[in-house]
Amino acid sequence: MKEGIWQQVLTYFYLRKRDESEPRNMNIKFMHGMNRISLFMFLIAVVIMIVRLIRH
């Protein structure tokens, strides 16, 4: 079943239960971990940019 990007984001942040029919191996586990770190860094950068825009 094809998922949208928002469903994937919710899965990365553990806000939605993962599909049990998906394969589980170390490569996919590492990929999801790296994506989770990237999303956290992106969200932190967006918050910093918004704070800087509000201060000026």
N, C-alpha and C. Protein backbone atom coordinates (compact mmCIF):
# COMPACT_ATOMS: atom_id res chain seq x y z
N MET A 1 0.84 -1.18 0.00
CA MET A 1 0.00 0.00 0.00
C MET A 1 0.89 1.24 0.00
N LYS A 2 0.62 2.14 -0.93
CA LYS A 2 1.42 3.36 -1.04
C LYS A 2 0.95 4.38 -0.02
N GLU A 3 1.91 4.96 0.72
CA GLU A 3 1.58 5.93 1.75
C GLU A 3 2.03 7.32 1.30
N GLY A 4 1.39 8.31 1.87
CA GLY A 4 1.79 9.68 1.62
C GLY A 4 2.93 10.07 2.53
N ILE A 5 3.49 11.25 2.25
CA ILE A 5 4.64 11.70 3.03
C ILE A 5 4.27 11.96 4.49
N TRP A 6 3.05 12.43 4.76
CA TRP A 6 2.67 12.72 6.15
C TRP A 6 2.54 11.44 6.96
N GLN A 7 2.06 10.36 6.35
CA GLN A 7 1.99 9.09 7.06
C GLN A 7 3.39 8.57 7.38
N GLN A 8 4.32 8.78 6.46
CA GLN A 8 5.70 8.36 6.71
C GLN A 8 6.32 9.17 7.84
N VAL A 9 6.06 10.48 7.87
CA VAL A 9 6.59 11.33 8.94
C VAL A 9 6.03 10.87 10.28
N LEU A 10 4.74 10.59 10.34
CA LEU A 10 4.15 10.11 11.59
C LEU A 10 4.77 8.78 12.02
N THR A 11 5.08 7.92 11.07
CA THR A 11 5.70 6.65 11.39
C THR A 11 7.11 6.87 11.92
N TYR A 12 7.88 7.79 11.32
CA TYR A 12 9.24 8.05 11.77
C TYR A 12 9.26 8.57 13.20
N PHE A 13 8.29 9.39 13.55
CA PHE A 13 8.24 9.97 14.89
C PHE A 13 7.46 9.10 15.86
N TYR A 14 7.14 7.87 15.47
CA TYR A 14 6.42 6.91 16.32
C TYR A 14 5.04 7.41 16.73
N LEU A 15 4.40 8.23 15.91
CA LEU A 15 3.06 8.71 16.20
C LEU A 15 2.00 7.82 15.54
N ARG A 16 2.43 6.92 14.71
CA ARG A 16 1.54 6.00 14.03
C ARG A 16 2.20 4.62 14.05
N LYS A 17 1.39 3.60 14.26
CA LYS A 17 1.92 2.24 14.32
C LYS A 17 2.42 1.82 12.95
N ARG A 18 3.54 1.16 12.93
CA ARG A 18 4.15 0.74 11.68
C ARG A 18 3.41 -0.47 11.13
N ASP A 19 3.42 -0.59 9.80
CA ASP A 19 2.73 -1.69 9.11
C ASP A 19 3.49 -2.99 9.35
N GLU A 20 2.80 -4.00 9.85
CA GLU A 20 3.44 -5.27 10.18
C GLU A 20 3.85 -6.07 8.94
N SER A 21 3.27 -5.76 7.79
CA SER A 21 3.61 -6.52 6.58
C SER A 21 4.89 -6.01 5.92
N GLU A 22 5.42 -4.88 6.39
CA GLU A 22 6.66 -4.35 5.82
C GLU A 22 7.85 -5.22 6.26
N PRO A 23 8.83 -5.35 5.37
CA PRO A 23 10.01 -6.14 5.76
C PRO A 23 10.81 -5.42 6.85
N ARG A 24 11.42 -6.21 7.73
CA ARG A 24 12.24 -5.64 8.81
C ARG A 24 13.65 -6.17 8.64
N ASN A 25 14.56 -5.29 8.29
CA ASN A 25 15.97 -5.65 8.28
C ASN A 25 16.78 -4.45 8.75
N MET A 26 18.05 -4.66 8.95
CA MET A 26 18.90 -3.61 9.53
C MET A 26 19.02 -2.39 8.61
N ASN A 27 19.06 -2.61 7.30
CA ASN A 27 19.20 -1.48 6.38
C ASN A 27 18.01 -0.54 6.48
N ILE A 28 16.82 -1.09 6.53
CA ILE A 28 15.62 -0.26 6.64
C ILE A 28 15.58 0.43 8.00
N LYS A 29 16.00 -0.28 9.03
CA LYS A 29 16.02 0.28 10.37
C LYS A 29 16.97 1.49 10.44
N PHE A 30 18.18 1.34 9.86
CA PHE A 30 19.13 2.45 9.82
C PHE A 30 18.61 3.60 8.97
N MET A 31 17.97 3.29 7.86
CA MET A 31 17.43 4.33 6.99
C MET A 31 16.38 5.16 7.73
N HIS A 32 15.48 4.49 8.46
CA HIS A 32 14.46 5.21 9.21
C HIS A 32 15.09 6.03 10.34
N GLY A 33 16.12 5.51 10.96
CA GLY A 33 16.82 6.26 12.00
C GLY A 33 17.46 7.52 11.45
N MET A 34 18.10 7.42 10.30
CA MET A 34 18.73 8.59 9.67
C MET A 34 17.67 9.60 9.24
N ASN A 35 16.56 9.11 8.71
CA ASN A 35 15.48 10.01 8.32
C ASN A 35 14.91 10.74 9.54
N ARG A 36 14.79 10.03 10.65
CA ARG A 36 14.27 10.64 11.88
C ARG A 36 15.19 11.76 12.36
N ILE A 37 16.50 11.50 12.34
CA ILE A 37 17.47 12.53 12.74
C ILE A 37 17.39 13.72 11.80
N SER A 38 17.29 13.47 10.50
CA SER A 38 17.21 14.57 9.51
C SER A 38 15.95 15.40 9.73
N LEU A 39 14.84 14.77 10.00
CA LEU A 39 13.60 15.52 10.22
C LEU A 39 13.69 16.37 11.49
N PHE A 40 14.27 15.81 12.57
CA PHE A 40 14.44 16.59 13.79
C PHE A 40 15.32 17.82 13.54
N MET A 41 16.43 17.62 12.82
CA MET A 41 17.33 18.74 12.52
C MET A 41 16.62 19.78 11.67
N PHE A 42 15.85 19.36 10.68
CA PHE A 42 15.11 20.28 9.84
C PHE A 42 14.11 21.09 10.65
N LEU A 43 13.36 20.42 11.53
CA LEU A 43 12.38 21.13 12.34
C LEU A 43 13.04 22.13 13.30
N ILE A 44 14.17 21.76 13.86
CA ILE A 44 14.90 22.68 14.73
C ILE A 44 15.37 23.90 13.93
N ALA A 45 15.88 23.68 12.72
CA ALA A 45 16.32 24.79 11.88
C ALA A 45 15.16 25.71 11.51
N VAL A 46 13.99 25.15 11.22
CA VAL A 46 12.82 25.98 10.89
C VAL A 46 12.41 26.81 12.10
N VAL A 47 12.43 26.23 13.28
CA VAL A 47 12.08 26.97 14.49
C VAL A 47 13.07 28.11 14.71
N ILE A 48 14.36 27.84 14.53
CA ILE A 48 15.38 28.89 14.70
C ILE A 48 15.16 30.01 13.69
N MET A 49 14.86 29.67 12.45
CA MET A 49 14.61 30.69 11.44
C MET A 49 13.39 31.54 11.78
N ILE A 50 12.34 30.92 12.27
CA ILE A 50 11.14 31.66 12.65
C ILE A 50 11.43 32.61 13.81
N VAL A 51 12.17 32.11 14.80
CA VAL A 51 12.53 32.97 15.95
C VAL A 51 13.36 34.16 15.49
N ARG A 52 14.32 33.93 14.61
CA ARG A 52 15.14 35.04 14.11
C ARG A 52 14.30 36.05 13.31
N LEU A 53 13.34 35.57 12.54
CA LEU A 53 12.48 36.48 11.78
C LEU A 53 11.61 37.32 12.72
N ILE A 54 11.13 36.73 13.78
CA ILE A 54 10.27 37.45 14.72
C ILE A 54 11.07 38.50 15.48
N ARG A 55 12.31 38.20 15.82
CA ARG A 55 13.13 39.15 16.60
C ARG A 55 13.52 40.39 15.81
N HIS A 56 13.62 40.29 14.50
CA HIS A 56 14.05 41.45 13.70
C HIS A 56 12.88 42.22 13.24
